[in-house]
Amino acid sequence: MRTRTLLPALLVTALATGGPALATTPTAAGIVDVSTAAQLKSALAAATPGDTIRLADGTYTGNFKATVPGTAAARITLTGSSAAVLKAGGGYGLHLNGASYWTVEGITVTGGQKGIMADAANGVVIDSVTVHDLDMEGVHFRRSSSDGILRNSRIHDTGHDGRGMGEGVYVGTAGDLSDRSDRVQILDNTIGPGVGGENIDIKEGTTGARIIGNTFDGSGLTGANYDDSWVDVKGNDVLVEGNRGSRTTDNGYETHTQQSGWGCGTVFRDNVSDLTGATGDKQLAFNITNHGKSCPTTVHGSNTVTGGKGLTNIPVTP
């Protein structure tokens, strides 16, 4: 059922001086309640800025795509409880393809190749969702999906195809500097266990990511495709702050230069690392592979580590 609520219009008043009339236009907000997969697909296709799509509890089987953008002033919201489950048999569970300024909140996405994919979609907010049991990554910001936020969410049991490519959160595209998925914020999430790649992978070409307040469990790391840390930073000017991590095959956090001029400017502070059980050759909380005047990385003394072989392989900044 589709309903629209109209706010009362203000009076149209002519100026006493004979000037032009001043008028306002009523604003409309659409609420769309859905309870079947067919209704959800129709609602996604028909959404307009300001709409809210509300999912009843239940399982929605299929692949779901949104292509209509909202606006910064009139976002489109897809909302439901964790018992509203999008279940894909392959492909993407939820694809925000050009769907800028969407908010996705509360729901669960499972099955399929990838969970929630944002392509060329700016200002996407993903809040309090659960994403699990996928062949590849959980949440991916791609094709210059800038200013996205993933917060208060849980991602676990990804990478079931066994290739070591099931990252929890993936920002950008490997080897593609034209993918400017900049300023993505990854805040207060729980990632792992069972994530078959890095918990977070920040790719070259992206700038300004913020990774703050998350809890990482690296028990799903396999060592395939170099997935031997919770977070791998290959983009520039990334802040990694106030996270807690446990269980890894080797290191906690790493930086790499995959393309010249990238993987630089990362700041690590106030992170708590538990490397107990790590078996790799370095076993560092912060393994920095590209440090120097032309490519600075800062590891603050406020970071702590237990287990392993040490905090970092570069000088520590107070």
C-alpha atoms as a PDB file:
ATOM      1  CA  MET A   1       0.000   0.000   0.000  1.00  0.00           C
ATOM      2  CA  ARG A   2       1.278   3.457  -0.930  1.00  0.00           C
ATOM      3  CA  THR A   3       0.335   6.500   1.103  1.00  0.00           C
ATOM      4  CA  ARG A   4       1.362  10.125   0.853  1.00  0.00           C
ATOM      5  CA  THR A   5       1.229  12.681   3.627  1.00  0.00           C
ATOM      6  CA  LEU A   6       0.923  16.321   2.603  1.00  0.00           C
ATOM      7  CA  LEU A   7       1.982  19.146   4.876  1.00  0.00           C
ATOM      8  CA  PRO A   8      -0.477  22.088   4.953  1.00  0.00           C
ATOM      9  CA  ALA A   9       0.364  24.861   2.497  1.00  0.00           C
ATOM     10  CA  LEU A  10       1.009  28.356   3.778  1.00  0.00           C
ATOM     11  CA  LEU A  11      -1.351  31.117   2.764  1.00  0.00           C
ATOM     12  CA  VAL A  12      -0.760  32.876  -0.541  1.00  0.00           C
ATOM     13  CA  THR A  13      -0.513  36.552   0.365  1.00  0.00           C
ATOM     14  CA  ALA A  14      -0.499  39.528  -2.007  1.00  0.00           C
ATOM     15  CA  LEU A  15       1.651  42.404  -0.942  1.00  0.00           C
ATOM     16  CA  ALA A  16      -0.287  45.553  -0.046  1.00  0.00           C
ATOM     17  CA  THR A  17       1.988  47.524  -2.309  1.00  0.00           C
ATOM     18  CA  GLY A  18       0.759  45.635  -5.320  1.00  0.00           C
ATOM     19  CA  GLY A  19       3.868  43.534  -5.581  1.00  0.00           C
ATOM     20  CA  PRO A  20       3.825  39.918  -6.768  1.00  0.00           C
ATOM     21  CA  ALA A  21       2.105  37.268  -4.688  1.00  0.00           C
ATOM     22  CA  LEU A  22       4.219  35.070  -2.440  1.00  0.00           C
ATOM     23  CA  ALA A  23       3.360  31.381  -2.584  1.00  0.00           C
ATOM     24  CA  THR A  24       4.665  28.086  -1.227  1.00  0.00           C
ATOM     25  CA  THR A  25       4.224  24.622  -2.657  1.00  0.00           C
ATOM     26  CA  PRO A  26       3.046  21.726  -0.468  1.00  0.00           C
ATOM     27  CA  THR A  27       5.739  19.193   0.309  1.00  0.00           C
ATOM     28  CA  ALA A  28       4.994  15.503  -0.036  1.00  0.00           C
ATOM     29  CA  ALA A  29       6.480  12.500   1.695  1.00  0.00           C
ATOM     30  CA  GLY A  30       5.685   8.994   0.466  1.00  0.00           C
ATOM     31  CA  ILE A  31       5.537   5.956   2.717  1.00  0.00           C
ATOM     32  CA  VAL A  32       5.500   2.609   0.948  1.00  0.00           C
ATOM     33  CA  ASP A  33       4.785  -0.520   2.983  1.00  0.00           C
ATOM     34  CA  VAL A  34       5.873  -3.779   1.359  1.00  0.00           C
ATOM     35  CA  SER A  35       5.662  -7.419   2.395  1.00  0.00           C
ATOM     36  CA  THR A  36       6.627  -9.401  -0.735  1.00  0.00           C
ATOM     37  CA  ALA A  37       9.629  -9.508  -3.062  1.00  0.00           C
ATOM     38  CA  ALA A  38       7.511  -8.329  -5.987  1.00  0.00           C
ATOM     39  CA  GLN A  39       6.258  -5.353  -4.005  1.00  0.00           C
ATOM     40  CA  LEU A  40       9.804  -4.488  -2.975  1.00  0.00           C
ATOM     41  CA  LYS A  41      11.076  -4.519  -6.558  1.00  0.00           C
ATOM     42  CA  SER A  42       8.192  -2.296  -7.617  1.00  0.00           C
ATOM     43  CA  ALA A  43       8.806   0.101  -4.728  1.00  0.00           C
ATOM     44  CA  LEU A  44      12.502   0.387  -5.513  1.00  0.00           C
ATOM     45  CA  ALA A  45      11.755   1.150  -9.171  1.00  0.00           C
ATOM     46  CA  ALA A  46       9.078   3.742  -8.346  1.00  0.00           C
ATOM     47  CA  ALA A  47      10.856   5.516  -5.483  1.00  0.00           C
ATOM     48  CA  THR A  48      11.090   9.294  -5.562  1.00  0.00           C
ATOM     49  CA  PRO A  49      13.085  11.696  -3.355  1.00  0.00           C
ATOM     50  CA  GLY A  50      11.709  11.812   0.173  1.00  0.00           C
ATOM     51  CA  ASP A  51      10.117   8.360   0.037  1.00  0.00           C
ATOM     52  CA  THR A  52      10.417   5.744   2.766  1.00  0.00           C
ATOM     53  CA  ILE A  53      10.072   2.066   1.868  1.00  0.00           C
ATOM     54  CA  ARG A  54       9.158   0.015   4.944  1.00  0.00           C
ATOM     55  CA  LEU A  55       9.753  -3.730   4.895  1.00  0.00           C
ATOM     56  CA  ALA A  56       7.603  -6.051   6.935  1.00  0.00           C
ATOM     57  CA  ASP A  57       9.429  -8.886   8.671  1.00  0.00           C
ATOM     58  CA  GLY A  58       9.932 -11.882   6.406  1.00  0.00           C
ATOM     59  CA  THR A  59      12.221 -13.238   3.691  1.00  0.00           C
ATOM     60  CA  TYR A  60      12.481 -11.428   0.348  1.00  0.00           C
ATOM     61  CA  THR A  61      14.068 -13.784  -2.148  1.00  0.00           C
ATOM     62  CA  GLY A  62      15.827 -12.354  -5.205  1.00  0.00           C
ATOM     63  CA  ASN A  63      18.217  -9.619  -6.301  1.00  0.00           C
ATOM     64  CA  PHE A  64      17.098  -6.081  -5.559  1.00  0.00           C
ATOM     65  CA  LYS A  65      18.235  -2.930  -7.358  1.00  0.00           C
ATOM     66  CA  ALA A  66      17.638   0.784  -6.858  1.00  0.00           C
ATOM     67  CA  THR A  67      18.552   3.206  -9.657  1.00  0.00           C
ATOM     68  CA  VAL A  68      16.599   6.356  -8.748  1.00  0.00           C
ATOM     69  CA  PRO A  69      18.648   8.891  -6.732  1.00  0.00           C
ATOM     70  CA  GLY A  70      17.367  10.870  -3.824  1.00  0.00           C
ATOM     71  CA  THR A  71      18.739  14.292  -2.979  1.00  0.00           C
ATOM     72  CA  ALA A  72      20.711  15.662  -0.063  1.00  0.00           C
ATOM     73  CA  ALA A  73      17.545  17.432   1.120  1.00  0.00           C
ATOM     74  CA  ALA A  74      15.161  14.537   0.391  1.00  0.00           C
ATOM     75  CA  ARG A  75      16.776  11.178   0.948  1.00  0.00           C
ATOM     76  CA  ILE A  76      15.147   7.879   0.013  1.00  0.00           C
ATOM     77  CA  THR A  77      15.006   5.396   2.891  1.00  0.00           C
ATOM     78  CA  LEU A  78      14.744   1.605   2.853  1.00  0.00           C
ATOM     79  CA  THR A  79      14.037   0.420   6.371  1.00  0.00           C
ATOM     80  CA  GLY A  80      13.034  -2.668   8.295  1.00  0.00           C
ATOM     81  CA  SER A  81      14.043  -4.797  11.250  1.00  0.00           C
ATOM     82  CA  SER A  82      16.769  -7.429  11.208  1.00  0.00           C
ATOM     83  CA  ALA A  83      13.962  -9.938  10.576  1.00  0.00           C
ATOM     84  CA  ALA A  84      13.360  -8.342   7.154  1.00  0.00           C
ATOM     85  CA  VAL A  85      15.800 -10.483   5.162  1.00  0.00           C
ATOM     86  CA  LEU A  86      16.890  -9.949   1.562  1.00  0.00           C
ATOM     87  CA  LYS A  87      18.043 -13.382   0.420  1.00  0.00           C
ATOM     88  CA  ALA A  88      19.836 -13.654  -2.915  1.00  0.00           C
ATOM     89  CA  GLY A  89      20.671 -16.858  -4.737  1.00  0.00           C
ATOM     90  CA  GLY A  90      23.495 -15.190  -6.677  1.00  0.00           C
ATOM     91  CA  GLY A  91      24.613 -11.719  -7.742  1.00  0.00           C
ATOM     92  CA  TYR A  92      24.039  -8.766  -5.412  1.00  0.00           C
ATOM     93  CA  GLY A  93      21.576  -8.797  -2.550  1.00  0.00           C
ATOM     94  CA  LEU A  94      20.985  -5.030  -2.750  1.00  0.00           C
ATOM     95  CA  HIS A  95      22.466  -2.951  -5.565  1.00  0.00           C
ATOM     96  CA  LEU A  96      22.372   0.841  -5.230  1.00  0.00           C
ATOM     97  CA  ASN A  97      23.269   1.607  -8.839  1.00  0.00           C
ATOM     98  CA  GLY A  98      23.398   5.371  -9.261  1.00  0.00           C
ATOM     99  CA  ALA A  99      21.076   5.605  -6.260  1.00  0.00           C
ATOM    100  CA  SER A 100      22.704   8.513  -4.446  1.00  0.00           C
ATOM    101  CA  TYR A 101      21.361   9.758  -1.113  1.00  0.00           C
ATOM    102  CA  TRP A 102      19.740   6.527  -0.030  1.00  0.00           C
ATOM    103  CA  THR A 103      19.566   5.378   3.572  1.00  0.00           C
ATOM    104  CA  VAL A 104      19.402   1.622   4.198  1.00  0.00           C
ATOM    105  CA  GLU A 105      18.704   0.743   7.801  1.00  0.00           C
ATOM    106  CA  GLY A 106      17.968  -2.227  10.018  1.00  0.00           C
ATOM    107  CA  ILE A 107      17.565  -4.990   7.446  1.00  0.00           C
ATOM    108  CA  THR A 108      19.508  -8.219   6.879  1.00  0.00           C
ATOM    109  CA  VAL A 109      21.143  -9.159   3.564  1.00  0.00           C
ATOM    110  CA  THR A 110      22.361 -12.695   2.972  1.00  0.00           C
ATOM    111  CA  GLY A 111      23.164 -15.187   0.210  1.00  0.00           C
ATOM    112  CA  GLY A 112      24.413 -14.342  -3.253  1.00  0.00           C
ATOM    113  CA  GLN A 113      27.787 -13.154  -4.409  1.00  0.00           C
ATOM    114  CA  LYS A 114      27.908  -9.772  -2.661  1.00  0.00           C
ATOM    115  CA  GLY A 115      25.734  -8.163  -0.007  1.00  0.00           C
ATOM    116  CA  ILE A 116      25.214  -4.401  -0.455  1.00  0.00           C
ATOM    117  CA  MET A 117      26.866  -2.771  -3.483  1.00  0.00           C
ATOM    118  CA  ALA A 118      26.952   0.997  -4.031  1.00  0.00           C
ATOM    119  CA  ASP A 119      27.903   1.929  -7.600  1.00  0.00           C
ATOM    120  CA  ALA A 120      28.224   5.610  -8.589  1.00  0.00           C
ATOM    121  CA  ALA A 121      26.056   6.421  -5.582  1.00  0.00           C
ATOM    122  CA  ASN A 122      27.096   9.379  -3.430  1.00  0.00           C
ATOM    123  CA  GLY A 123      25.992  10.048   0.113  1.00  0.00           C
ATOM    124  CA  VAL A 124      24.703   6.537   0.816  1.00  0.00           C
ATOM    125  CA  VAL A 125      24.104   5.746   4.497  1.00  0.00           C
ATOM    126  CA  ILE A 126      23.997   2.102   5.603  1.00  0.00           C
ATOM    127  CA  ASP A 127      22.964   1.913   9.240  1.00  0.00           C
ATOM    128  CA  SER A 128      22.395  -0.962  11.675  1.00  0.00           C
ATOM    129  CA  VAL A 129      22.219  -3.675   9.015  1.00  0.00           C
ATOM    130  CA  THR A 130      23.359  -7.296   9.185  1.00  0.00           C
ATOM    131  CA  VAL A 131      25.204  -8.787   6.207  1.00  0.00           C
ATOM    132  CA  HIS A 132      26.329 -12.416   6.227  1.00  0.00           C
ATOM    133  CA  ASP A 133      26.902 -15.675   4.362  1.00  0.00           C
ATOM    134  CA  LEU A 134      28.091 -14.472   0.960  1.00  0.00           C
ATOM    135  CA  ASP A 135      30.451 -15.803  -1.692  1.00  0.00           C
ATOM    136  CA  MET A 136      32.434 -12.545  -1.759  1.00  0.00           C
ATOM    137  CA  GLU A 137      32.429  -9.199   0.089  1.00  0.00           C
ATOM    138  CA  GLY A 138      29.800  -7.854   2.426  1.00  0.00           C
ATOM    139  CA  VAL A 139      29.563  -4.115   1.614  1.00  0.00           C
ATOM    140  CA  HIS A 140      31.287  -2.438  -1.341  1.00  0.00           C
ATOM    141  CA  PHE A 141      31.522   1.258  -2.234  1.00  0.00           C
ATOM    142  CA  ARG A 142      32.572   1.364  -5.906  1.00  0.00           C
ATOM    143  CA  ARG A 143      32.639   3.514  -9.065  1.00  0.00           C
ATOM    144  CA  SER A 144      33.239   6.786  -7.225  1.00  0.00           C
ATOM    145  CA  SER A 145      30.602   6.296  -4.541  1.00  0.00           C
ATOM    146  CA  SER A 146      31.830   9.120  -2.333  1.00  0.00           C
ATOM    147  CA  ASP A 147      30.761  10.346   1.108  1.00  0.00           C
ATOM    148  CA  GLY A 148      29.176   7.042   2.062  1.00  0.00           C
ATOM    149  CA  ILE A 149      28.669   5.919   5.660  1.00  0.00           C
ATOM    150  CA  LEU A 150      28.513   2.397   7.056  1.00  0.00           C
ATOM    151  CA  ARG A 151      27.751   2.415  10.769  1.00  0.00           C
ATOM    152  CA  ASN A 152      26.433   0.346  13.663  1.00  0.00           C
ATOM    153  CA  SER A 153      26.291  -2.765  11.488  1.00  0.00           C
ATOM    154  CA  ARG A 154      27.378  -6.387  11.681  1.00  0.00           C
ATOM    155  CA  ILE A 155      29.164  -8.244   8.876  1.00  0.00           C
ATOM    156  CA  HIS A 156      30.233 -11.863   9.196  1.00  0.00           C
ATOM    157  CA  ASP A 157      30.787 -15.090   7.255  1.00  0.00           C
ATOM    158  CA  THR A 158      31.783 -13.762   3.849  1.00  0.00           C
ATOM    159  CA  GLY A 159      34.087 -15.135   1.139  1.00  0.00           C
ATOM    160  CA  HIS A 160      32.476 -18.551   0.969  1.00  0.00           C
ATOM    161  CA  ASP A 161      33.926 -19.126  -2.509  1.00  0.00           C
ATOM    162  CA  GLY A 162      37.242 -19.808  -0.763  1.00  0.00           C
ATOM    163  CA  ARG A 163      39.449 -17.489  -2.842  1.00  0.00           C
ATOM    164  CA  GLY A 164      40.427 -15.189   0.010  1.00  0.00           C
ATOM    165  CA  MET A 165      38.453 -12.359  -1.564  1.00  0.00           C
ATOM    166  CA  GLY A 166      35.507 -12.017   0.792  1.00  0.00           C
ATOM    167  CA  GLU A 167      36.312  -8.694   2.432  1.00  0.00           C
ATOM    168  CA  GLY A 168      33.882  -7.376   5.011  1.00  0.00           C
ATOM    169  CA  VAL A 169      34.023  -3.834   3.597  1.00  0.00           C
ATOM    170  CA  TYR A 170      35.646  -2.935   0.279  1.00  0.00           C
ATOM    171  CA  VAL A 171      36.204   0.651  -0.843  1.00  0.00           C
ATOM    172  CA  GLY A 172      37.236   1.373  -4.450  1.00  0.00           C
ATOM    173  CA  THR A 173      38.529  -0.904  -7.185  1.00  0.00           C
ATOM    174  CA  ALA A 174      41.881  -2.663  -7.338  1.00  0.00           C
ATOM    175  CA  GLY A 175      44.153  -1.069  -9.930  1.00  0.00           C
ATOM    176  CA  ASP A 176      41.604   1.545 -11.007  1.00  0.00           C
ATOM    177  CA  LEU A 177      42.645   5.058 -10.008  1.00  0.00           C
ATOM    178  CA  SER A 178      39.525   6.475 -11.654  1.00  0.00           C
ATOM    179  CA  ASP A 179      37.383   4.980  -8.891  1.00  0.00           C
ATOM    180  CA  ARG A 180      37.252   7.925  -6.489  1.00  0.00           C
ATOM    181  CA  SER A 181      35.107   6.468  -3.747  1.00  0.00           C
ATOM    182  CA  ASP A 182      36.352   9.175  -1.400  1.00  0.00           C
ATOM    183  CA  ARG A 183      35.577  10.083   2.205  1.00  0.00           C
ATOM    184  CA  VAL A 184      33.818   6.834   3.063  1.00  0.00           C
ATOM    185  CA  GLN A 185      33.228   6.493   6.815  1.00  0.00           C
ATOM    186  CA  ILE A 186      33.179   3.056   8.457  1.00  0.00           C
ATOM    187  CA  LEU A 187      32.001   3.637  12.020  1.00  0.00           C
ATOM    188  CA  ASP A 188      31.197   1.467  15.048  1.00  0.00           C
ATOM    189  CA  ASN A 189      30.654  -1.791  13.195  1.00  0.00           C
ATOM    190  CA  THR A 190      31.357  -5.378  14.231  1.00  0.00           C
ATOM    191  CA  ILE A 191      33.121  -7.230  11.419  1.00  0.00           C
ATOM    192  CA  GLY A 192      33.814 -10.957  11.687  1.00  0.00           C
ATOM    193  CA  PRO A 193      34.024 -13.758  12.493  1.00  0.00           C
ATOM    194  CA  GLY A 194      34.255 -15.816   9.338  1.00  0.00           C
ATOM    195  CA  VAL A 195      35.236 -12.963   6.991  1.00  0.00           C
ATOM    196  CA  GLY A 196      37.250 -14.632   4.228  1.00  0.00           C
ATOM    197  CA  GLY A 197      39.374 -11.573   3.390  1.00  0.00           C
ATOM    198  CA  GLU A 198      40.453  -8.433   5.208  1.00  0.00           C
ATOM    199  CA  ASN A 199      37.760  -7.017   7.443  1.00  0.00           C
ATOM    200  CA  ILE A 200      38.300  -3.712   5.579  1.00  0.00           C
ATOM    201  CA  ASP A 201      40.185  -3.097   2.312  1.00  0.00           C
ATOM    202  CA  ILE A 202      40.752   0.522   1.193  1.00  0.00           C
ATOM    203  CA  LYS A 203      41.898   0.561  -2.429  1.00  0.00           C
ATOM    204  CA  GLU A 204      44.274   2.846  -4.315  1.00  0.00           C
ATOM    205  CA  GLY A 205      42.533   5.782  -5.979  1.00  0.00           C
ATOM    206  CA  THR A 206      40.412   6.535  -2.915  1.00  0.00           C
ATOM    207  CA  THR A 207      41.101   9.321  -0.421  1.00  0.00           C
ATOM    208  CA  GLY A 208      39.953  10.330   3.032  1.00  0.00           C
ATOM    209  CA  ALA A 209      38.384   7.145   4.404  1.00  0.00           C
ATOM    210  CA  ARG A 210      37.603   7.122   8.137  1.00  0.00           C
ATOM    211  CA  ILE A 211      37.715   3.806  10.029  1.00  0.00           C
ATOM    212  CA  ILE A 212      36.628   4.534  13.594  1.00  0.00           C
ATOM    213  CA  GLY A 213      35.304   2.571  16.550  1.00  0.00           C
ATOM    214  CA  ASN A 214      34.980  -0.821  14.893  1.00  0.00           C
ATOM    215  CA  THR A 215      35.515  -4.296  16.327  1.00  0.00           C
ATOM    216  CA  PHE A 216      37.420  -6.752  14.122  1.00  0.00           C
ATOM    217  CA  ASP A 217      37.584 -10.539  14.294  1.00  0.00           C
ATOM    218  CA  GLY A 218      40.063 -11.998  11.810  1.00  0.00           C
ATOM    219  CA  SER A 219      39.275 -15.649  12.430  1.00  0.00           C
ATOM    220  CA  GLY A 220      38.224 -16.084   8.789  1.00  0.00           C
ATOM    221  CA  LEU A 221      41.571 -14.958   7.330  1.00  0.00           C
ATOM    222  CA  THR A 222      43.207 -17.633   5.164  1.00  0.00           C
ATOM    223  CA  GLY A 223      46.395 -15.969   3.940  1.00  0.00           C
ATOM    224  CA  ALA A 224      45.241 -16.336   0.321  1.00  0.00           C
ATOM    225  CA  ASN A 225      45.625 -13.206  -1.818  1.00  0.00           C
ATOM    226  CA  TYR A 226      47.620 -11.585   1.005  1.00  0.00           C
ATOM    227  CA  ASP A 227      44.662 -11.421   3.386  1.00  0.00           C
ATOM    228  CA  ASP A 228      46.735 -11.456   6.564  1.00  0.00           C
ATOM    229  CA  SER A 229      45.446  -8.403   8.471  1.00  0.00           C
ATOM    230  CA  TRP A 230      42.192  -6.843   9.626  1.00  0.00           C
ATOM    231  CA  VAL A 231      42.662  -3.669   7.607  1.00  0.00           C
ATOM    232  CA  ASP A 232      44.722  -3.053   4.459  1.00  0.00           C
ATOM    233  CA  VAL A 233      45.123   0.591   3.412  1.00  0.00           C
ATOM    234  CA  LYS A 234      46.171   1.362  -0.165  1.00  0.00           C
ATOM    235  CA  GLY A 235      44.354   4.682  -0.457  1.00  0.00           C
ATOM    236  CA  ASN A 236      45.530   8.080   0.778  1.00  0.00           C
ATOM    237  CA  ASP A 237      44.886  10.175   3.895  1.00  0.00           C
ATOM    238  CA  VAL A 238      43.024   7.496   5.839  1.00  0.00           C
ATOM    239  CA  LEU A 239      42.298   7.799   9.562  1.00  0.00           C
ATOM    240  CA  VAL A 240      42.180   4.558  11.574  1.00  0.00           C
ATOM    241  CA  GLU A 241      41.153   5.351  15.139  1.00  0.00           C
ATOM    242  CA  GLY A 242      39.698   3.685  18.203  1.00  0.00           C
ATOM    243  CA  ASN A 243      39.258   0.198  16.758  1.00  0.00           C
ATOM    244  CA  ARG A 244      39.700  -3.150  18.529  1.00  0.00           C
ATOM    245  CA  GLY A 245      40.958  -6.260  16.774  1.00  0.00           C
ATOM    246  CA  SER A 246      41.632  -9.884  17.642  1.00  0.00           C
ATOM    247  CA  ARG A 247      42.550 -13.096  15.800  1.00  0.00           C
ATOM    248  CA  THR A 248      44.747 -12.659  12.738  1.00  0.00           C
ATOM    249  CA  THR A 249      47.094 -14.823  10.718  1.00  0.00           C
ATOM    250  CA  ASP A 250      49.905 -12.244  10.880  1.00  0.00           C
ATOM    251  CA  ASN A 251      49.403  -8.481  11.341  1.00  0.00           C
ATOM    252  CA  GLY A 252      46.669  -6.187  12.570  1.00  0.00           C
ATOM    253  CA  TYR A 253      46.844  -3.298  10.082  1.00  0.00           C
ATOM    254  CA  GLU A 254      48.893  -2.825   6.927  1.00  0.00           C
ATOM    255  CA  THR A 255      49.603  -0.118   4.351  1.00  0.00           C
ATOM    256  CA  HIS A 256      50.725  -0.808   0.787  1.00  0.00           C
ATOM    257  CA  THR A 257      51.606   1.164  -2.324  1.00  0.00           C
ATOM    258  CA  GLN A 258      49.963  -0.655  -5.226  1.00  0.00           C
ATOM    259  CA  GLN A 259      50.206   2.421  -7.471  1.00  0.00           C
ATOM    260  CA  SER A 260      52.820   5.162  -7.254  1.00  0.00           C
ATOM    261  CA  GLY A 261      51.764   7.938  -4.900  1.00  0.00           C
ATOM    262  CA  TRP A 262      49.122   5.895  -3.142  1.00  0.00           C
ATOM    263  CA  GLY A 263      48.961   4.209   0.257  1.00  0.00           C
ATOM    264  CA  CYS A 264      50.233   7.406   1.910  1.00  0.00           C
ATOM    265  CA  GLY A 265      49.138   9.684   4.738  1.00  0.00           C
ATOM    266  CA  THR A 266      47.484   7.082   6.965  1.00  0.00           C
ATOM    267  CA  VAL A 267      47.155   7.966  10.659  1.00  0.00           C
ATOM    268  CA  PHE A 268      46.714   5.218  13.276  1.00  0.00           C
ATOM    269  CA  ARG A 269      45.767   6.165  16.828  1.00  0.00           C
ATOM    270  CA  ASP A 270      44.015   4.719  19.893  1.00  0.00           C
ATOM    271  CA  ASN A 271      43.647   1.240  18.393  1.00  0.00           C
ATOM    272  CA  VAL A 272      43.787  -1.899  20.567  1.00  0.00           C
ATOM    273  CA  SER A 273      45.297  -4.995  18.940  1.00  0.00           C
ATOM    274  CA  ASP A 274      45.392  -8.557  20.221  1.00  0.00           C
ATOM    275  CA  LEU A 275      47.739 -10.653  18.079  1.00  0.00           C
ATOM    276  CA  THR A 276      47.527 -13.747  20.256  1.00  0.00           C
ATOM    277  CA  GLY A 277      47.730 -16.815  18.046  1.00  0.00           C
ATOM    278  CA  ALA A 278      49.243 -15.050  15.015  1.00  0.00           C
ATOM    279  CA  THR A 279      51.654 -17.299  13.110  1.00  0.00           C
ATOM    280  CA  GLY A 280      52.980 -15.084  10.287  1.00  0.00           C
ATOM    281  CA  ASP A 281      56.536 -13.871   9.960  1.00  0.00           C
ATOM    282  CA  LYS A 282      56.031 -10.255  11.160  1.00  0.00           C
ATOM    283  CA  GLN A 283      53.204 -10.357  13.731  1.00  0.00           C
ATOM    284  CA  LEU A 284      52.980  -6.563  14.090  1.00  0.00           C
ATOM    285  CA  ALA A 285      49.998  -4.491  15.046  1.00  0.00           C
ATOM    286  CA  PHE A 286      50.950  -2.063  12.236  1.00  0.00           C
ATOM    287  CA  ASN A 287      53.001  -3.379   9.326  1.00  0.00           C
ATOM    288  CA  ILE A 288      53.939  -0.288   7.282  1.00  0.00           C
ATOM    289  CA  THR A 289      55.422  -1.160   3.915  1.00  0.00           C
ATOM    290  CA  ASN A 290      55.684   2.328   2.395  1.00  0.00           C
ATOM    291  CA  HIS A 291      57.019   4.903   4.838  1.00  0.00           C
ATOM    292  CA  GLY A 292      59.091   7.996   4.085  1.00  0.00           C
ATOM    293  CA  LYS A 293      58.980  11.743   3.519  1.00  0.00           C
ATOM    294  CA  SER A 294      57.192  11.332   0.206  1.00  0.00           C
ATOM    295  CA  CYS A 295      54.727   8.834   1.654  1.00  0.00           C
ATOM    296  CA  PRO A 296      54.230   9.473   5.383  1.00  0.00           C
ATOM    297  CA  THR A 297      52.427   7.163   7.779  1.00  0.00           C
ATOM    298  CA  THR A 298      51.818   7.998  11.437  1.00  0.00           C
ATOM    299  CA  VAL A 299      51.536   5.383  14.180  1.00  0.00           C
ATOM    300  CA  HIS A 300      50.772   7.098  17.489  1.00  0.00           C
ATOM    301  CA  GLY A 301      51.952   5.816  20.843  1.00  0.00           C
ATOM    302  CA  SER A 302      48.317   5.665  21.968  1.00  0.00           C
ATOM    303  CA  ASN A 303      47.959   2.386  20.066  1.00  0.00           C
ATOM    304  CA  THR A 304      48.445  -0.772  22.139  1.00  0.00           C
ATOM    305  CA  VAL A 305      49.206  -4.406  21.351  1.00  0.00           C
ATOM    306  CA  THR A 306      49.245  -7.702  23.187  1.00  0.00           C
ATOM    307  CA  GLY A 307      50.777 -10.854  21.749  1.00  0.00           C
ATOM    308  CA  GLY A 308      52.756 -10.921  18.538  1.00  0.00           C
ATOM    309  CA  LYS A 309      56.189  -9.385  18.074  1.00  0.00           C
ATOM    310  CA  GLY A 310      55.574  -5.675  18.527  1.00  0.00           C
ATOM    311  CA  LEU A 311      53.636  -2.542  17.720  1.00  0.00           C
ATOM    312  CA  THR A 312      55.121  -1.434  14.411  1.00  0.00           C
ATOM    313  CA  ASN A 313      58.166  -1.363  12.137  1.00  0.00           C
ATOM    314  CA  ILE A 314      58.403   2.460  11.912  1.00  0.00           C
ATOM    315  CA  PRO A 315      59.157   5.117  14.539  1.00  0.00           C
ATOM    316  CA  VAL A 316      56.238   5.753  16.880  1.00  0.00           C
ATOM    317  CA  THR A 317      54.807   9.262  17.128  1.00  0.00           C
ATOM    318  CA  PRO A 318      53.883  10.431  20.648  1.00  0.00           C
END
